[in-house]
Amino acid sequence: MVQRVAIYCRVSTTDQSCERQERDLLEYAAVCGFEVVGVWFETVSGTKHDRTERSKVMALAQSHSIDAILVTQMQQFSFGNDFAPFQ
């Protein structure tokens, strides 16, 4: 069974780019044989709790529409150092 994954790329400021994250995660997904259902991009500080794209990806996970969320670093998905969404 092929794993369905979402790719979430986040940077903190507008002078940064998600390009490397997207490239690396798409390559990883291809090597692993994952089905990428979409790529979500966000430019927002890691301490902000209002992250629209993150919420969309979480909704997919909670509805079991995807099997996993790919990120390059855990802190890009969490709030600061809080990993509570994964507990």
PDB file of N, CA and C in Angstrom:
ATOM      1  N   MET A   1       0.834  -1.184   0.000  1.00  0.00           N
ATOM      2  CA  MET A   1       0.000   0.000   0.000  1.00  0.00           C
ATOM      3  C   MET A   1       0.881   1.251   0.000  1.00  0.00           C
ATOM      4  N   VAL A   2       0.617   2.133  -0.927  1.00  0.00           N
ATOM      5  CA  VAL A   2       1.406   3.357  -1.053  1.00  0.00           C
ATOM      6  C   VAL A   2       0.985   4.355   0.028  1.00  0.00           C
ATOM      7  N   GLN A   3       1.976   4.921   0.691  1.00  0.00           N
ATOM      8  CA  GLN A   3       1.702   5.940   1.711  1.00  0.00           C
ATOM      9  C   GLN A   3       1.376   7.273   1.032  1.00  0.00           C
ATOM     10  N   ARG A   4       0.287   7.890   1.467  1.00  0.00           N
ATOM     11  CA  ARG A   4      -0.093   9.211   0.964  1.00  0.00           C
ATOM     12  C   ARG A   4       0.460  10.259   1.923  1.00  0.00           C
ATOM     13  N   VAL A   5       1.195  11.219   1.375  1.00  0.00           N
ATOM     14  CA  VAL A   5       1.849  12.216   2.223  1.00  0.00           C
ATOM     15  C   VAL A   5       1.539  13.633   1.749  1.00  0.00           C
ATOM     16  N   ALA A   6       1.591  14.540   2.718  1.00  0.00           N
ATOM     17  CA  ALA A   6       1.514  15.970   2.431  1.00  0.00           C
ATOM     18  C   ALA A   6       2.887  16.557   2.728  1.00  0.00           C
ATOM     19  N   ILE A   7       3.294  17.506   1.942  1.00  0.00           N
ATOM     20  CA  ILE A   7       4.563  18.195   2.174  1.00  0.00           C
ATOM     21  C   ILE A   7       4.237  19.595   2.685  1.00  0.00           C
ATOM     22  N   TYR A   8       4.844  19.937   3.818  1.00  0.00           N
ATOM     23  CA  TYR A   8       4.629  21.258   4.421  1.00  0.00           C
ATOM     24  C   TYR A   8       5.969  21.982   4.482  1.00  0.00           C
ATOM     25  N   CYS A   9       6.034  23.139   3.820  1.00  0.00           N
ATOM     26  CA  CYS A   9       7.249  23.952   3.787  1.00  0.00           C
ATOM     27  C   CYS A   9       6.949  25.293   4.444  1.00  0.00           C
ATOM     28  N   ARG A  10       7.805  25.691   5.384  1.00  0.00           N
ATOM     29  CA  ARG A  10       7.591  26.972   6.057  1.00  0.00           C
ATOM     30  C   ARG A  10       8.904  27.711   6.211  1.00  0.00           C
ATOM     31  N   VAL A  11       8.832  29.015   5.980  1.00  0.00           N
ATOM     32  CA  VAL A  11       9.930  29.922   6.288  1.00  0.00           C
ATOM     33  C   VAL A  11       9.375  31.037   7.164  1.00  0.00           C
ATOM     34  N   SER A  12      10.260  31.717   7.857  1.00  0.00           N
ATOM     35  CA  SER A  12       9.818  32.736   8.814  1.00  0.00           C
ATOM     36  C   SER A  12       9.636  34.118   8.216  1.00  0.00           C
ATOM     37  N   THR A  13      10.403  34.427   7.173  1.00  0.00           N
ATOM     38  CA  THR A  13      10.353  35.782   6.617  1.00  0.00           C
ATOM     39  C   THR A  13      10.242  35.746   5.098  1.00  0.00           C
ATOM     40  N   THR A  14       9.797  36.850   4.525  1.00  0.00           N
ATOM     41  CA  THR A  14       9.587  36.916   3.073  1.00  0.00           C
ATOM     42  C   THR A  14      10.893  36.910   2.283  1.00  0.00           C
ATOM     43  N   ASP A  15      12.030  37.170   2.935  1.00  0.00           N
ATOM     44  CA  ASP A  15      13.298  37.120   2.200  1.00  0.00           C
ATOM     45  C   ASP A  15      13.875  35.700   2.161  1.00  0.00           C
ATOM     46  N   GLN A  16      13.143  34.724   2.710  1.00  0.00           N
ATOM     47  CA  GLN A  16      13.542  33.325   2.655  1.00  0.00           C
ATOM     48  C   GLN A  16      12.686  32.601   1.621  1.00  0.00           C
ATOM     49  N   SER A  17      13.120  31.411   1.223  1.00  0.00           N
ATOM     50  CA  SER A  17      12.412  30.652   0.204  1.00  0.00           C
ATOM     51  C   SER A  17      12.194  29.206   0.665  1.00  0.00           C
ATOM     52  N   CYS A  18      11.079  28.647   0.258  1.00  0.00           N
ATOM     53  CA  CYS A  18      10.772  27.236   0.539  1.00  0.00           C
ATOM     54  C   CYS A  18      11.316  26.307  -0.545  1.00  0.00           C
ATOM     55  N   GLU A  19      12.001  26.858  -1.525  1.00  0.00           N
ATOM     56  CA  GLU A  19      12.437  26.089  -2.685  1.00  0.00           C
ATOM     57  C   GLU A  19      13.265  24.860  -2.327  1.00  0.00           C
ATOM     58  N   ARG A  20      14.252  25.013  -1.450  1.00  0.00           N
ATOM     59  CA  ARG A  20      15.106  23.882  -1.064  1.00  0.00           C
ATOM     60  C   ARG A  20      14.305  22.819  -0.321  1.00  0.00           C
ATOM     61  N   GLN A  21      13.444  23.255   0.596  1.00  0.00           N
ATOM     62  CA  GLN A  21      12.613  22.305   1.346  1.00  0.00           C
ATOM     63  C   GLN A  21      11.744  21.490   0.393  1.00  0.00           C
ATOM     64  N   GLU A  22      11.079  22.181  -0.530  1.00  0.00           N
ATOM     65  CA  GLU A  22      10.207  21.501  -1.479  1.00  0.00           C
ATOM     66  C   GLU A  22      10.999  20.490  -2.313  1.00  0.00           C
ATOM     67  N   ARG A  23      12.127  20.913  -2.842  1.00  0.00           N
ATOM     68  CA  ARG A  23      12.954  20.043  -3.681  1.00  0.00           C
ATOM     69  C   ARG A  23      13.393  18.799  -2.906  1.00  0.00           C
ATOM     70  N   ASP A  24      13.917  19.006  -1.701  1.00  0.00           N
ATOM     71  CA  ASP A  24      14.418  17.888  -0.906  1.00  0.00           C
ATOM     72  C   ASP A  24      13.298  16.920  -0.515  1.00  0.00           C
ATOM     73  N   LEU A  25      12.146  17.449  -0.147  1.00  0.00           N
ATOM     74  CA  LEU A  25      11.052  16.586   0.283  1.00  0.00           C
ATOM     75  C   LEU A  25      10.407  15.847  -0.887  1.00  0.00           C
ATOM     76  N   LEU A  26      10.306  16.490  -2.036  1.00  0.00           N
ATOM     77  CA  LEU A  26       9.794  15.796  -3.219  1.00  0.00           C
ATOM     78  C   LEU A  26      10.731  14.660  -3.630  1.00  0.00           C
ATOM     79  N   GLU A  27      12.032  14.909  -3.543  1.00  0.00           N
ATOM     80  CA  GLU A  27      13.017  13.874  -3.865  1.00  0.00           C
ATOM     81  C   GLU A  27      12.915  12.719  -2.868  1.00  0.00           C
ATOM     82  N   TYR A  28      12.795  13.041  -1.602  1.00  0.00           N
ATOM     83  CA  TYR A  28      12.657  12.007  -0.571  1.00  0.00           C
ATOM     84  C   TYR A  28      11.403  11.165  -0.810  1.00  0.00           C
ATOM     85  N   ALA A  29      10.292  11.832  -1.098  1.00  0.00           N
ATOM     86  CA  ALA A  29       9.031  11.130  -1.351  1.00  0.00           C
ATOM     87  C   ALA A  29       9.160  10.190  -2.548  1.00  0.00           C
ATOM     88  N   ALA A  30       9.829  10.644  -3.584  1.00  0.00           N
ATOM     89  CA  ALA A  30      10.008   9.816  -4.779  1.00  0.00           C
ATOM     90  C   ALA A  30      10.853   8.583  -4.472  1.00  0.00           C
ATOM     91  N   VAL A  31      11.939   8.768  -3.736  1.00  0.00           N
ATOM     92  CA  VAL A  31      12.823   7.652  -3.381  1.00  0.00           C
ATOM     93  C   VAL A  31      12.067   6.626  -2.534  1.00  0.00           C
ATOM     94  N   CYS A  32      11.192   7.108  -1.655  1.00  0.00           N
ATOM     95  CA  CYS A  32      10.446   6.210  -0.764  1.00  0.00           C
ATOM     96  C   CYS A  32       9.200   5.624  -1.415  1.00  0.00           C
ATOM     97  N   GLY A  33       8.838   6.128  -2.598  1.00  0.00           N
ATOM     98  CA  GLY A  33       7.656   5.631  -3.269  1.00  0.00           C
ATOM     99  C   GLY A  33       6.355   6.169  -2.699  1.00  0.00           C
ATOM    100  N   PHE A  34       6.407   7.324  -2.037  1.00  0.00           N
ATOM    101  CA  PHE A  34       5.212   7.940  -1.463  1.00  0.00           C
ATOM    102  C   PHE A  34       4.388   8.631  -2.542  1.00  0.00           C
ATOM    103  N   GLU A  35       3.097   8.693  -2.352  1.00  0.00           N
ATOM    104  CA  GLU A  35       2.209   9.489  -3.201  1.00  0.00           C
ATOM    105  C   GLU A  35       2.044  10.859  -2.543  1.00  0.00           C
ATOM    106  N   VAL A  36       2.518  11.899  -3.193  1.00  0.00           N
ATOM    107  CA  VAL A  36       2.406  13.263  -2.660  1.00  0.00           C
ATOM    108  C   VAL A  36       1.044  13.817  -3.070  1.00  0.00           C
ATOM    109  N   VAL A  37       0.186  14.092  -2.082  1.00  0.00           N
ATOM    110  CA  VAL A  37      -1.146  14.610  -2.389  1.00  0.00           C
ATOM    111  C   VAL A  37      -1.151  16.121  -2.557  1.00  0.00           C
ATOM    112  N   GLY A  38      -0.086  16.782  -2.076  1.00  0.00           N
ATOM    113  CA  GLY A  38       0.010  18.228  -2.241  1.00  0.00           C
ATOM    114  C   GLY A  38       1.198  18.791  -1.490  1.00  0.00           C
ATOM    115  N   VAL A  39       1.529  20.023  -1.836  1.00  0.00           N
ATOM    116  CA  VAL A  39       2.610  20.748  -1.178  1.00  0.00           C
ATOM    117  C   VAL A  39       2.021  22.056  -0.659  1.00  0.00           C
ATOM    118  N   TRP A  40       2.216  22.323   0.626  1.00  0.00           N
ATOM    119  CA  TRP A  40       1.693  23.535   1.249  1.00  0.00           C
ATOM    120  C   TRP A  40       2.856  24.408   1.673  1.00  0.00           C
ATOM    121  N   PHE A  41       2.733  25.702   1.380  1.00  0.00           N
ATOM    122  CA  PHE A  41       3.789  26.683   1.660  1.00  0.00           C
ATOM    123  C   PHE A  41       3.265  27.717   2.643  1.00  0.00           C
ATOM    124  N   GLU A  42       4.138  28.150   3.537  1.00  0.00           N
ATOM    125  CA  GLU A  42       3.734  29.174   4.491  1.00  0.00           C
ATOM    126  C   GLU A  42       4.930  30.040   4.842  1.00  0.00           C
ATOM    127  N   THR A  43       4.683  31.349   4.935  1.00  0.00           N
ATOM    128  CA  THR A  43       5.689  32.290   5.409  1.00  0.00           C
ATOM    129  C   THR A  43       5.123  32.923   6.668  1.00  0.00           C
ATOM    130  N   VAL A  44       5.595  32.417   7.813  1.00  0.00           N
ATOM    131  CA  VAL A  44       5.090  32.893   9.099  1.00  0.00           C
ATOM    132  C   VAL A  44       6.084  32.495  10.183  1.00  0.00           C
ATOM    133  N   SER A  45       6.166  33.294  11.229  1.00  0.00           N
ATOM    134  CA  SER A  45       7.057  33.008  12.337  1.00  0.00           C
ATOM    135  C   SER A  45       6.663  31.699  13.015  1.00  0.00           C
ATOM    136  N   GLY A  46       7.649  30.971  13.495  1.00  0.00           N
ATOM    137  CA  GLY A  46       7.392  29.714  14.179  1.00  0.00           C
ATOM    138  C   GLY A  46       6.628  29.865  15.477  1.00  0.00           C
ATOM    139  N   THR A  47       6.571  31.074  16.028  1.00  0.00           N
ATOM    140  CA  THR A  47       5.855  31.278  17.287  1.00  0.00           C
ATOM    141  C   THR A  47       4.384  31.648  17.070  1.00  0.00           C
ATOM    142  N   LYS A  48       3.995  31.878  15.840  1.00  0.00           N
ATOM    143  CA  LYS A  48       2.603  32.251  15.543  1.00  0.00           C
ATOM    144  C   LYS A  48       1.721  31.012  15.518  1.00  0.00           C
ATOM    145  N   HIS A  49       0.592  31.095  16.180  1.00  0.00           N
ATOM    146  CA  HIS A  49      -0.336  29.962  16.214  1.00  0.00           C
ATOM    147  C   HIS A  49      -1.344  30.009  15.074  1.00  0.00           C
ATOM    148  N   ASP A  50      -1.451  31.119  14.384  1.00  0.00           N
ATOM    149  CA  ASP A  50      -2.402  31.245  13.275  1.00  0.00           C
ATOM    150  C   ASP A  50      -1.684  30.912  11.968  1.00  0.00           C
ATOM    151  N   ARG A  51      -1.666  29.631  11.639  1.00  0.00           N
ATOM    152  CA  ARG A  51      -1.015  29.167  10.413  1.00  0.00           C
ATOM    153  C   ARG A  51      -2.047  28.431   9.570  1.00  0.00           C
ATOM    154  N   THR A  52      -2.558  29.122   8.576  1.00  0.00           N
ATOM    155  CA  THR A  52      -3.635  28.594   7.748  1.00  0.00           C
ATOM    156  C   THR A  52      -3.244  27.315   7.034  1.00  0.00           C
ATOM    157  N   GLU A  53      -2.090  27.302   6.413  1.00  0.00           N
ATOM    158  CA  GLU A  53      -1.664  26.128   5.636  1.00  0.00           C
ATOM    159  C   GLU A  53      -1.384  24.930   6.548  1.00  0.00           C
ATOM    160  N   ARG A  54      -0.811  25.177   7.694  1.00  0.00           N
ATOM    161  CA  ARG A  54      -0.569  24.110   8.666  1.00  0.00           C
ATOM    162  C   ARG A  54      -1.903  23.502   9.092  1.00  0.00           C
ATOM    163  N   SER A  55      -2.888  24.335   9.309  1.00  0.00           N
ATOM    164  CA  SER A  55      -4.214  23.854   9.704  1.00  0.00           C
ATOM    165  C   SER A  55      -4.827  22.965   8.626  1.00  0.00           C
ATOM    166  N   LYS A  56      -4.616  23.326   7.370  1.00  0.00           N
ATOM    167  CA  LYS A  56      -5.132  22.508   6.260  1.00  0.00           C
ATOM    168  C   LYS A  56      -4.476  21.130   6.249  1.00  0.00           C
ATOM    169  N   VAL A  57      -3.168  21.093   6.462  1.00  0.00           N
ATOM    170  CA  VAL A  57      -2.443  19.824   6.469  1.00  0.00           C
ATOM    171  C   VAL A  57      -2.886  18.978   7.669  1.00  0.00           C
ATOM    172  N   MET A  58      -3.053  19.604   8.818  1.00  0.00           N
ATOM    173  CA  MET A  58      -3.508  18.879  10.006  1.00  0.00           C
ATOM    174  C   MET A  58      -4.898  18.292   9.783  1.00  0.00           C
ATOM    175  N   ALA A  59      -5.777  19.045   9.119  1.00  0.00           N
ATOM    176  CA  ALA A  59      -7.130  18.550   8.841  1.00  0.00           C
ATOM    177  C   ALA A  59      -7.079  17.298   7.960  1.00  0.00           C
ATOM    178  N   LEU A  60      -6.175  17.289   6.991  1.00  0.00           N
ATOM    179  CA  LEU A  60      -6.003  16.102   6.152  1.00  0.00           C
ATOM    180  C   LEU A  60      -5.554  14.900   6.983  1.00  0.00           C
ATOM    181  N   ALA A  61      -4.631  15.140   7.889  1.00  0.00           N
ATOM    182  CA  ALA A  61      -4.138  14.050   8.735  1.00  0.00           C
ATOM    183  C   ALA A  61      -5.239  13.543   9.664  1.00  0.00           C
ATOM    184  N   GLN A  62      -5.980  14.473  10.253  1.00  0.00           N
ATOM    185  CA  GLN A  62      -7.028  14.080  11.192  1.00  0.00           C
ATOM    186  C   GLN A  62      -8.173  13.339  10.509  1.00  0.00           C
ATOM    187  N   SER A  63      -8.406  13.631   9.236  1.00  0.00           N
ATOM    188  CA  SER A  63      -9.465  12.935   8.496  1.00  0.00           C
ATOM    189  C   SER A  63      -8.953  11.656   7.826  1.00  0.00           C
ATOM    190  N   HIS A  64      -7.687  11.339   8.065  1.00  0.00           N
ATOM    191  CA  HIS A  64      -7.034  10.155   7.496  1.00  0.00           C
ATOM    192  C   HIS A  64      -6.960  10.201   5.966  1.00  0.00           C
ATOM    193  N   SER A  65      -6.958  11.409   5.407  1.00  0.00           N
ATOM    194  CA  SER A  65      -6.786  11.574   3.965  1.00  0.00           C
ATOM    195  C   SER A  65      -5.328  11.410   3.560  1.00  0.00           C
ATOM    196  N   ILE A  66      -4.430  11.540   4.541  1.00  0.00           N
ATOM    197  CA  ILE A  66      -3.001  11.314   4.324  1.00  0.00           C
ATOM    198  C   ILE A  66      -2.487  10.417   5.435  1.00  0.00           C
ATOM    199  N   ASP A  67      -1.352   9.782   5.178  1.00  0.00           N
ATOM    200  CA  ASP A  67      -0.727   8.898   6.158  1.00  0.00           C
ATOM    201  C   ASP A  67       0.393   9.576   6.932  1.00  0.00           C
ATOM    202  N   ALA A  68       0.971  10.632   6.330  1.00  0.00           N
ATOM    203  CA  ALA A  68       2.108  11.296   6.970  1.00  0.00           C
ATOM    204  C   ALA A  68       2.253  12.718   6.434  1.00  0.00           C
ATOM    205  N   ILE A  69       2.957  13.519   7.221  1.00  0.00           N
ATOM    206  CA  ILE A  69       3.304  14.890   6.831  1.00  0.00           C
ATOM    207  C   ILE A  69       4.823  14.950   6.763  1.00  0.00           C
ATOM    208  N   LEU A  70       5.352  15.384   5.637  1.00  0.00           N
ATOM    209  CA  LEU A  70       6.800  15.507   5.486  1.00  0.00           C
ATOM    210  C   LEU A  70       7.223  16.949   5.715  1.00  0.00           C
ATOM    211  N   VAL A  71       8.216  17.128   6.571  1.00  0.00           N
ATOM    212  CA  VAL A  71       8.831  18.432   6.823  1.00  0.00           C
ATOM    213  C   VAL A  71      10.333  18.217   6.883  1.00  0.00           C
ATOM    214  N   THR A  72      11.094  19.258   6.650  1.00  0.00           N
ATOM    215  CA  THR A  72      12.547  19.096   6.716  1.00  0.00           C
ATOM    216  C   THR A  72      13.048  19.181   8.146  1.00  0.00           C
ATOM    217  N   GLN A  73      12.347  19.910   9.019  1.00  0.00           N
ATOM    218  CA  GLN A  73      12.723  20.028  10.422  1.00  0.00           C
ATOM    219  C   GLN A  73      11.445  20.101  11.253  1.00  0.00           C
ATOM    220  N   MET A  74      11.430  19.407  12.387  1.00  0.00           N
ATOM    221  CA  MET A  74      10.229  19.382  13.221  1.00  0.00           C
ATOM    222  C   MET A  74       9.779  20.769  13.660  1.00  0.00           C
ATOM    223  N   GLN A  75      10.726  21.666  13.929  1.00  0.00           N
ATOM    224  CA  GLN A  75      10.335  22.989  14.412  1.00  0.00           C
ATOM    225  C   GLN A  75       9.601  23.806  13.336  1.00  0.00           C
ATOM    226  N   GLN A  76       9.666  23.386  12.092  1.00  0.00           N
ATOM    227  CA  GLN A  76       8.913  24.093  11.059  1.00  0.00           C
ATOM    228  C   GLN A  76       7.427  23.817  11.179  1.00  0.00           C
ATOM    229  N   PHE A  77       7.082  22.714  11.792  1.00  0.00           N
ATOM    230  CA  PHE A  77       5.676  22.344  11.927  1.00  0.00           C
ATOM    231  C   PHE A  77       5.121  22.668  13.302  1.00  0.00           C
ATOM    232  N   SER A  78       5.973  22.670  14.306  1.00  0.00           N
ATOM    233  CA  SER A  78       5.522  22.918  15.671  1.00  0.00           C
ATOM    234  C   SER A  78       5.467  24.415  15.941  1.00  0.00           C
ATOM    235  N   PHE A  79       5.050  24.740  17.155  1.00  0.00           N
ATOM    236  CA  PHE A  79       5.023  26.133  17.615  1.00  0.00           C
ATOM    237  C   PHE A  79       6.225  26.338  18.520  1.00  0.00           C
ATOM    238  N   GLY A  80       7.244  27.026  18.008  1.00  0.00           N
ATOM    239  CA  GLY A  80       8.456  27.196  18.793  1.00  0.00           C
ATOM    240  C   GLY A  80       9.059  25.838  19.088  1.00  0.00           C
ATOM    241  N   ASN A  81       9.207  25.505  20.366  1.00  0.00           N
ATOM    242  CA  ASN A  81       9.732  24.195  20.764  1.00  0.00           C
ATOM    243  C   ASN A  81       8.638  23.250  21.225  1.00  0.00           C
ATOM    244  N   ASP A  82       7.383  23.604  20.980  1.00  0.00           N
ATOM    245  CA  ASP A  82       6.251  22.809  21.431  1.00  0.00           C
ATOM    246  C   ASP A  82       5.888  21.761  20.390  1.00  0.00           C
ATOM    247  N   PHE A  83       6.054  20.478  20.741  1.00  0.00           N
ATOM    248  CA  PHE A  83       5.713  19.392  19.830  1.00  0.00           C
ATOM    249  C   PHE A  83       4.398  18.738  20.212  1.00  0.00           C
ATOM    250  N   ALA A  84       3.553  19.452  20.948  1.00  0.00           N
ATOM    251  CA  ALA A  84       2.286  18.911  21.437  1.00  0.00           C
ATOM    252  C   ALA A  84       1.389  18.310  20.346  1.00  0.00           C
ATOM    253  N   PRO A  85       1.354  18.866  19.108  1.00  0.00           N
ATOM    254  CA  PRO A  85       0.472  18.259  18.113  1.00  0.00           C
ATOM    255  C   PRO A  85       0.774  16.798  17.818  1.00  0.00           C
ATOM    256  N   PHE A  86       1.946  16.308  18.192  1.00  0.00           N
ATOM    257  CA  PHE A  86       2.350  14.951  17.886  1.00  0.00           C
ATOM    258  C   PHE A  86       2.186  14.003  19.063  1.00  0.00           C
ATOM    259  N   GLN A  87       1.691  14.497  20.193  1.00  0.00           N
ATOM    260  CA  GLN A  87       1.539  13.649  21.380  1.00  0.00           C
ATOM    261  C   GLN A  87       0.164  13.036  21.439  1.00  0.00           C
TER     262      GLN A  87
END
